[in-house]
N, C-alpha and C. Protein backbone atom coordinates (compact mmCIF):
# COMPACT_ATOMS: atom_id res chain seq x y z
N MET A 1 0.85 -1.19 0.00
CA MET A 1 0.00 0.00 0.00
C MET A 1 0.88 1.24 0.00
N MET A 2 0.58 2.17 -0.87
CA MET A 2 1.32 3.43 -0.95
C MET A 2 0.91 4.30 0.21
N ASN A 3 1.89 4.93 0.89
CA ASN A 3 1.50 5.76 2.02
C ASN A 3 1.06 7.14 1.54
N ALA A 4 0.47 7.89 2.44
CA ALA A 4 -0.12 9.18 2.10
C ALA A 4 0.87 10.14 1.49
N MET A 5 2.09 10.16 2.01
CA MET A 5 3.08 11.10 1.50
C MET A 5 3.43 10.79 0.05
N GLU A 6 3.52 9.52 -0.30
CA GLU A 6 3.89 9.14 -1.65
C GLU A 6 2.79 9.46 -2.65
N ASN A 7 1.56 9.56 -2.18
CA ASN A 7 0.43 9.70 -3.08
C ASN A 7 -0.29 11.03 -2.96
N GLY A 8 0.16 11.97 -2.12
CA GLY A 8 -0.58 13.21 -1.92
C GLY A 8 -1.98 12.89 -1.43
N ALA A 9 -2.08 12.36 -0.26
CA ALA A 9 -3.29 11.72 0.26
C ALA A 9 -4.48 12.64 0.38
N GLY A 10 -5.64 12.01 0.29
CA GLY A 10 -6.87 12.65 0.68
C GLY A 10 -7.10 12.40 2.16
N THR A 11 -8.06 13.11 2.72
CA THR A 11 -8.31 13.01 4.16
C THR A 11 -8.67 11.60 4.59
N ASN A 12 -9.43 10.84 3.78
CA ASN A 12 -9.82 9.48 4.17
C ASN A 12 -8.60 8.57 4.32
N GLN A 13 -7.67 8.65 3.39
CA GLN A 13 -6.48 7.82 3.49
C GLN A 13 -5.64 8.25 4.68
N VAL A 14 -5.55 9.55 4.91
CA VAL A 14 -4.80 10.05 6.07
C VAL A 14 -5.43 9.53 7.35
N MET A 15 -6.75 9.54 7.44
CA MET A 15 -7.43 9.03 8.63
C MET A 15 -7.05 7.58 8.89
N ALA A 16 -7.02 6.77 7.84
CA ALA A 16 -6.65 5.36 8.00
C ALA A 16 -5.23 5.22 8.52
N GLU A 17 -4.31 6.02 8.00
CA GLU A 17 -2.93 5.95 8.44
C GLU A 17 -2.74 6.55 9.83
N LEU A 18 -3.53 7.55 10.17
CA LEU A 18 -3.46 8.13 11.51
C LEU A 18 -3.84 7.13 12.58
N LEU A 19 -4.75 6.22 12.27
CA LEU A 19 -5.15 5.21 13.25
C LEU A 19 -3.92 4.42 13.71
N GLY A 20 -3.07 4.05 12.78
CA GLY A 20 -1.85 3.34 13.15
C GLY A 20 -0.94 4.18 14.03
N VAL A 21 -0.84 5.46 13.75
CA VAL A 21 -0.02 6.36 14.57
C VAL A 21 -0.61 6.47 15.97
N PHE A 22 -1.92 6.63 16.06
CA PHE A 22 -2.57 6.71 17.36
C PHE A 22 -2.35 5.43 18.16
N ARG A 23 -2.44 4.28 17.51
CA ARG A 23 -2.21 3.01 18.21
C ARG A 23 -0.78 2.91 18.72
N LYS A 24 0.16 3.42 17.94
CA LYS A 24 1.56 3.38 18.36
C LYS A 24 1.79 4.29 19.56
N VAL A 25 1.22 5.49 19.54
CA VAL A 25 1.44 6.46 20.61
C VAL A 25 0.65 6.11 21.87
N PHE A 26 -0.61 5.68 21.69
CA PHE A 26 -1.49 5.46 22.84
C PHE A 26 -1.69 3.99 23.18
N GLY A 27 -1.05 3.11 22.46
CA GLY A 27 -1.21 1.68 22.72
C GLY A 27 -2.31 1.10 21.85
N GLY A 28 -2.34 -0.20 21.76
CA GLY A 28 -3.28 -0.89 20.88
C GLY A 28 -4.72 -0.82 21.31
N SER A 29 -5.01 -0.16 22.43
CA SER A 29 -6.38 -0.11 22.92
C SER A 29 -7.29 0.77 22.07
N ILE A 30 -6.72 1.60 21.23
CA ILE A 30 -7.54 2.46 20.36
C ILE A 30 -8.04 1.62 19.20
N ILE A 31 -9.35 1.44 19.14
CA ILE A 31 -9.96 0.61 18.10
C ILE A 31 -10.30 1.45 16.88
N ALA A 32 -10.73 2.68 17.11
CA ALA A 32 -11.14 3.54 16.00
C ALA A 32 -10.98 5.00 16.40
N ILE A 33 -10.80 5.83 15.38
CA ILE A 33 -10.84 7.28 15.54
C ILE A 33 -11.74 7.82 14.45
N ASP A 34 -12.29 8.98 14.67
CA ASP A 34 -13.06 9.65 13.63
C ASP A 34 -12.72 11.13 13.68
N PRO A 35 -13.19 11.91 12.73
CA PRO A 35 -12.81 13.32 12.69
C PRO A 35 -13.12 14.10 13.97
N ALA A 36 -14.14 13.69 14.71
CA ALA A 36 -14.52 14.42 15.92
C ALA A 36 -13.73 13.99 17.15
N THR A 37 -12.94 12.92 17.05
CA THR A 37 -12.17 12.44 18.19
C THR A 37 -11.20 13.53 18.65
N SER A 38 -11.21 13.79 19.96
CA SER A 38 -10.31 14.80 20.53
C SER A 38 -9.65 14.23 21.77
N ALA A 39 -8.82 15.03 22.40
CA ALA A 39 -8.07 14.60 23.58
C ALA A 39 -8.99 14.08 24.69
N LYS A 40 -10.15 14.68 24.82
CA LYS A 40 -11.07 14.25 25.89
C LYS A 40 -11.62 12.84 25.64
N ASP A 41 -11.51 12.34 24.40
CA ASP A 41 -12.04 11.03 24.05
C ASP A 41 -11.02 9.90 24.18
N VAL A 42 -9.75 10.25 24.32
CA VAL A 42 -8.68 9.24 24.29
C VAL A 42 -7.96 9.23 25.64
N LYS A 43 -8.03 8.09 26.31
CA LYS A 43 -7.36 7.95 27.60
C LYS A 43 -5.86 8.16 27.42
N GLY A 44 -5.30 9.05 28.22
CA GLY A 44 -3.87 9.30 28.17
C GLY A 44 -3.44 10.40 27.22
N TRP A 45 -4.39 11.01 26.50
CA TRP A 45 -4.03 12.09 25.58
C TRP A 45 -3.92 13.39 26.38
N ASP A 46 -2.71 13.63 26.88
CA ASP A 46 -2.43 14.84 27.62
C ASP A 46 -1.40 15.66 26.85
N SER A 47 -0.88 16.72 27.44
CA SER A 47 0.04 17.59 26.71
C SER A 47 1.33 16.87 26.32
N PHE A 48 1.81 15.99 27.17
CA PHE A 48 3.03 15.25 26.86
C PHE A 48 2.80 14.26 25.72
N SER A 49 1.73 13.50 25.81
CA SER A 49 1.46 12.54 24.74
C SER A 49 1.09 13.25 23.43
N HIS A 50 0.54 14.47 23.54
CA HIS A 50 0.25 15.24 22.33
C HIS A 50 1.55 15.56 21.58
N LEU A 51 2.59 15.91 22.33
CA LEU A 51 3.89 16.16 21.69
C LEU A 51 4.41 14.90 21.01
N ASN A 52 4.28 13.75 21.68
CA ASN A 52 4.68 12.49 21.07
C ASN A 52 3.86 12.19 19.82
N LEU A 53 2.57 12.47 19.89
CA LEU A 53 1.69 12.26 18.74
C LEU A 53 2.11 13.13 17.56
N VAL A 54 2.34 14.40 17.83
CA VAL A 54 2.75 15.34 16.77
C VAL A 54 4.05 14.88 16.12
N MET A 55 5.02 14.50 16.94
CA MET A 55 6.30 14.04 16.38
C MET A 55 6.12 12.76 15.56
N ALA A 56 5.28 11.86 16.03
CA ALA A 56 5.04 10.61 15.29
C ALA A 56 4.34 10.90 13.96
N ILE A 57 3.40 11.84 13.95
CA ILE A 57 2.71 12.21 12.71
C ILE A 57 3.69 12.87 11.75
N GLU A 58 4.52 13.77 12.25
CA GLU A 58 5.51 14.43 11.39
C GLU A 58 6.45 13.41 10.76
N MET A 59 6.88 12.43 11.55
CA MET A 59 7.78 11.40 11.01
C MET A 59 7.07 10.50 10.00
N LYS A 60 5.85 10.09 10.30
CA LYS A 60 5.09 9.19 9.43
C LYS A 60 4.82 9.82 8.07
N PHE A 61 4.44 11.08 8.08
CA PHE A 61 4.00 11.73 6.84
C PHE A 61 5.06 12.65 6.22
N GLY A 62 6.19 12.84 6.89
CA GLY A 62 7.24 13.69 6.35
C GLY A 62 6.86 15.15 6.28
N VAL A 63 6.15 15.62 7.29
CA VAL A 63 5.72 17.02 7.34
C VAL A 63 6.24 17.65 8.62
N ILE A 64 6.19 18.97 8.68
CA ILE A 64 6.53 19.72 9.88
C ILE A 64 5.41 20.72 10.12
N PHE A 65 4.91 20.73 11.34
CA PHE A 65 3.84 21.65 11.70
C PHE A 65 4.41 22.93 12.30
N THR A 66 3.80 24.05 11.98
CA THR A 66 4.18 25.33 12.57
C THR A 66 3.49 25.47 13.93
N PRO A 67 4.00 26.37 14.77
CA PRO A 67 3.32 26.59 16.06
C PRO A 67 1.84 26.98 15.90
N ASP A 68 1.53 27.79 14.90
CA ASP A 68 0.13 28.17 14.66
C ASP A 68 -0.72 26.97 14.29
N GLU A 69 -0.17 26.08 13.46
CA GLU A 69 -0.91 24.88 13.08
C GLU A 69 -1.16 23.99 14.29
N LEU A 70 -0.16 23.89 15.16
CA LEU A 70 -0.32 23.07 16.36
C LEU A 70 -1.45 23.61 17.24
N GLN A 71 -1.56 24.91 17.33
CA GLN A 71 -2.63 25.52 18.13
C GLN A 71 -4.00 25.26 17.54
N ASP A 72 -4.07 25.12 16.22
CA ASP A 72 -5.35 24.92 15.54
C ASP A 72 -5.83 23.47 15.56
N MET A 73 -5.02 22.54 16.05
CA MET A 73 -5.38 21.13 16.09
C MET A 73 -6.32 20.89 17.27
N LYS A 74 -7.61 20.84 16.99
CA LYS A 74 -8.61 20.63 18.05
C LYS A 74 -9.11 19.19 18.10
N ASN A 75 -9.00 18.48 16.97
CA ASN A 75 -9.49 17.10 16.91
C ASN A 75 -8.79 16.36 15.77
N VAL A 76 -9.10 15.10 15.62
CA VAL A 76 -8.46 14.28 14.60
C VAL A 76 -8.78 14.79 13.19
N GLY A 77 -9.98 15.31 13.00
CA GLY A 77 -10.34 15.85 11.69
C GLY A 77 -9.45 17.01 11.29
N ASP A 78 -9.14 17.89 12.24
CA ASP A 78 -8.22 19.00 11.98
C ASP A 78 -6.84 18.49 11.60
N ILE A 79 -6.39 17.48 12.33
CA ILE A 79 -5.07 16.90 12.05
C ILE A 79 -5.05 16.27 10.67
N ALA A 80 -6.06 15.47 10.36
CA ALA A 80 -6.11 14.78 9.07
C ALA A 80 -6.17 15.76 7.90
N ALA A 81 -6.97 16.81 8.04
CA ALA A 81 -7.08 17.80 6.96
C ALA A 81 -5.75 18.52 6.75
N LEU A 82 -5.07 18.84 7.83
CA LEU A 82 -3.78 19.52 7.72
C LEU A 82 -2.74 18.62 7.10
N VAL A 83 -2.70 17.35 7.51
CA VAL A 83 -1.75 16.41 6.92
C VAL A 83 -2.04 16.22 5.44
N ALA A 84 -3.32 16.08 5.08
CA ALA A 84 -3.68 15.92 3.66
C ALA A 84 -3.25 17.13 2.85
N LYS A 85 -3.45 18.31 3.39
CA LYS A 85 -3.04 19.54 2.71
C LYS A 85 -1.53 19.58 2.53
N LYS A 86 -0.80 19.27 3.60
CA LYS A 86 0.67 19.35 3.54
C LYS A 86 1.24 18.26 2.62
N THR A 87 0.68 17.06 2.64
CA THR A 87 1.22 16.00 1.78
C THR A 87 0.87 16.26 0.32
N SER A 88 -0.25 16.91 0.08
CA SER A 88 -0.60 17.28 -1.30
C SER A 88 0.37 18.30 -1.85
N ALA A 89 0.82 19.20 -0.99
CA ALA A 89 1.79 20.22 -1.40
C ALA A 89 3.14 19.60 -1.71
N ILE A 90 3.48 18.48 -1.05
CA ILE A 90 4.74 17.80 -1.27
C ILE A 90 4.71 17.02 -2.57
N ALA A 91 3.57 16.38 -2.85
CA ALA A 91 3.48 15.46 -3.99
C ALA A 91 3.61 16.13 -5.32
């Protein structure tokens, strides 16, 4: 399977790949995520794990987030849309 960065992913493909990142950062207990999923929905998603999540996403997709972009990340949908936008710009 081609990863999102190689293909300039759409949000749906990014969501699928983000699930793997979430499982890696938060453990295999995460069964599903959706665009509305936020820190309040995920056990252990605190400020420290958020930094780990951001770094894992940056490494997975080959992107770098600006401080302003990090502030705008309110839920998984925001993250997926931003990753899709950034990977499309790379492709």
